Amino acid sequence: MSFVVTGLAPEPFAPLFGADDAALAAAGAIRFSVDAKPGFPCRISLVDAEPGETVLLLNHEHHAADTPYRARHAIYVRESAAAPARYENAMPPTLEGRLLAIRAYDAAGMMIDAEIVEGVEAVPLIERFLADPRAAYLHAHNARRGCFAARIDRV
């Protein structure tokens, strides 16, 4: 089963890139200077930011479905991220090194399955979930902190 893992589009976050602290605070965002790698996984580029880079920590609605599974959580985005990552039939390195919760949703946004898996072992689980005709898309979350990591779709 072919699949693609995609990062978030940068456009919704672009007005915050380079914004001053007051504008960030008004948007509920905080700027961090990265001091360790790994530790600051960008949801646009799907890579861990390098020490010295700046990232924004903000709350993001990653599942806007009109169901009880509607969800938002804190995510990091690199201020230098210009385009969403796209990994076809492969896991981004930032996901391979983490414990993930993979969640399958139907077309109505209802969760139909979920499992915890080491990122390096996630491909068979992704293929199994996407083989279910009810599954419209998957979400990967960092299992320990619960934050959204990426969307996964059939190709």
Protein backbone atom coordinates (compact mmCIF):
# COMPACT_ATOMS: atom_id res chain seq x y z
CA MET A 1 0.00 0.00 0.00
CA SER A 2 1.61 3.26 -1.14
CA PHE A 3 1.43 6.18 1.24
CA VAL A 4 2.70 9.72 1.72
CA VAL A 5 3.66 11.48 4.96
CA THR A 6 3.26 15.24 4.66
CA GLY A 7 4.20 18.21 6.77
CA LEU A 8 1.92 21.14 7.43
CA ALA A 9 1.67 24.04 4.99
CA PRO A 10 3.72 27.01 6.25
CA GLU A 11 1.25 29.70 5.12
CA PRO A 12 -0.94 29.69 8.27
CA PHE A 13 2.16 30.22 10.42
CA ALA A 14 4.01 32.70 8.16
CA PRO A 15 2.52 35.84 9.79
CA LEU A 16 4.21 34.76 13.03
CA PHE A 17 7.66 34.20 11.49
CA GLY A 18 9.81 37.09 12.65
CA ALA A 19 6.99 38.61 14.74
CA ASP A 20 7.92 40.38 17.96
CA ASP A 21 7.22 38.90 21.38
CA ALA A 22 4.03 40.93 21.86
CA ALA A 23 2.54 39.67 18.58
CA LEU A 24 3.54 36.11 19.43
CA ALA A 25 1.97 36.40 22.88
CA ALA A 26 -1.25 37.74 21.35
CA ALA A 27 -1.33 34.63 19.14
CA GLY A 28 -0.50 32.31 22.03
CA ALA A 29 2.90 31.43 20.58
CA ILE A 30 6.39 31.39 22.08
CA ARG A 31 9.75 31.62 20.25
CA PHE A 32 12.55 29.29 21.32
CA SER A 33 16.18 29.23 20.35
CA VAL A 34 17.00 25.57 19.79
CA ASP A 35 19.63 24.31 22.21
CA ALA A 36 19.57 20.55 21.58
CA LYS A 37 18.91 18.05 18.83
CA PRO A 38 16.65 16.14 18.85
CA GLY A 39 14.01 17.98 20.79
CA PHE A 40 12.32 20.50 18.51
CA PRO A 41 10.59 18.60 15.67
CA CYS A 42 9.21 20.93 13.00
CA ARG A 43 5.76 19.96 11.75
CA ILE A 44 6.32 21.69 8.41
CA SER A 45 9.70 20.29 7.36
CA LEU A 46 9.43 17.09 9.46
CA VAL A 47 13.02 17.48 10.64
CA ASP A 48 14.42 18.29 14.06
CA ALA A 49 15.59 21.90 14.18
CA GLU A 50 19.33 22.46 14.52
CA PRO A 51 20.87 24.16 17.56
CA GLY A 52 20.87 27.91 17.00
CA GLU A 53 17.71 27.90 14.86
CA THR A 54 14.52 29.50 16.11
CA VAL A 55 11.21 27.67 16.36
CA LEU A 56 7.75 28.71 17.39
CA LEU A 57 5.74 26.70 19.89
CA LEU A 58 2.05 27.22 19.29
CA ASN A 59 -1.30 25.54 19.60
CA HIS A 60 -2.55 24.10 16.33
CA GLU A 61 -5.85 22.49 15.36
CA HIS A 62 -4.66 19.42 13.50
CA HIS A 63 -8.00 17.63 13.33
CA ALA A 64 -10.80 20.04 12.47
CA ALA A 65 -13.43 17.31 12.04
CA ASP A 66 -16.85 18.10 13.45
CA THR A 67 -16.73 15.04 15.71
CA PRO A 68 -15.73 14.29 19.29
CA TYR A 69 -12.23 13.64 17.85
CA ARG A 70 -11.72 17.29 16.91
CA ALA A 71 -8.28 18.08 18.33
CA ARG A 72 -5.57 20.67 18.82
CA HIS A 73 -2.25 20.53 20.59
CA ALA A 74 1.11 22.25 20.89
CA ILE A 75 3.51 21.91 17.95
CA TYR A 76 6.86 23.37 16.90
CA VAL A 77 7.44 25.04 13.54
CA ARG A 78 10.82 26.25 12.29
CA GLU A 79 10.75 29.91 11.29
CA SER A 80 12.94 29.00 8.31
CA ALA A 81 10.53 26.32 7.01
CA ALA A 82 9.37 27.28 3.53
CA ALA A 83 7.57 24.21 2.16
CA PRO A 84 5.81 21.16 3.57
CA ALA A 85 7.85 17.97 3.60
CA ARG A 86 6.67 15.03 1.55
CA TYR A 87 7.92 11.50 2.17
CA GLU A 88 6.48 8.87 -0.16
CA ASN A 89 6.54 5.27 1.13
CA ALA A 90 9.02 6.27 3.82
CA MET A 91 9.05 7.69 7.31
CA PRO A 92 10.66 11.08 7.93
CA PRO A 93 13.77 10.72 10.12
CA THR A 94 12.17 12.85 12.83
CA LEU A 95 9.37 10.27 13.13
CA GLU A 96 11.57 7.19 12.83
CA GLY A 97 13.34 8.04 16.07
CA ARG A 98 10.23 8.48 18.21
CA LEU A 99 7.52 6.37 19.78
CA LEU A 100 4.38 7.11 17.77
CA ALA A 101 0.65 6.80 18.15
CA ILE A 102 -0.82 6.16 14.71
CA ARG A 103 -4.54 6.90 14.46
CA ALA A 104 -6.81 5.95 11.56
CA TYR A 105 -9.86 8.10 10.74
CA ASP A 106 -12.79 7.55 8.41
CA ALA A 107 -14.09 10.18 5.97
CA ALA A 108 -16.31 11.67 8.67
CA GLY A 109 -13.36 12.21 11.02
CA MET A 110 -14.22 9.37 13.37
CA MET A 111 -11.32 7.35 14.74
CA ILE A 112 -11.58 3.74 13.61
CA ASP A 113 -8.26 2.33 14.85
CA ALA A 114 -5.10 3.29 16.72
CA GLU A 115 -1.83 1.69 17.79
CA ILE A 116 1.44 2.63 19.45
CA VAL A 117 4.60 1.78 17.49
CA GLU A 118 8.27 2.69 17.36
CA GLY A 119 8.67 5.04 14.41
CA VAL A 120 11.29 2.85 12.78
CA GLU A 121 8.71 0.02 12.72
CA ALA A 122 5.70 2.09 11.63
CA VAL A 123 5.49 1.28 7.91
CA PRO A 124 3.76 -2.13 8.27
CA LEU A 125 1.20 -0.59 10.64
CA ILE A 126 0.56 2.30 8.23
CA GLU A 127 0.08 -0.15 5.37
CA ARG A 128 -2.30 -2.27 7.46
CA PHE A 129 -4.39 0.74 8.50
CA LEU A 130 -4.57 2.09 4.94
CA ALA A 131 -5.60 -1.33 3.62
CA ASP A 132 -8.84 -0.89 5.56
CA PRO A 133 -11.28 0.66 3.06
CA ARG A 134 -12.91 2.63 5.87
CA ALA A 135 -9.67 4.53 6.57
CA ALA A 136 -9.63 7.92 4.84
CA TYR A 137 -6.37 9.19 6.40
CA LEU A 138 -4.02 8.65 9.33
CA HIS A 139 -2.45 10.93 11.89
CA ALA A 140 0.87 10.27 13.58
CA HIS A 141 1.35 11.68 17.07
CA ASN A 142 4.34 11.65 19.36
CA ALA A 143 3.11 9.08 21.85
CA ARG A 144 4.89 10.42 24.92
CA ARG A 145 3.80 14.06 24.70
CA GLY A 146 0.70 13.51 22.58
CA CYS A 147 1.41 16.21 20.01
CA PHE A 148 0.51 15.91 16.35
CA ALA A 149 3.45 14.88 14.18
CA ALA A 150 2.20 14.41 10.60
CA ARG A 151 -0.64 13.35 8.32
CA ILE A 152 -0.44 10.14 6.30
CA ASP A 153 -2.50 9.46 3.18
CA ARG A 154 -2.76 6.84 0.46
CA VAL A 155 -0.97 7.73 -2.77
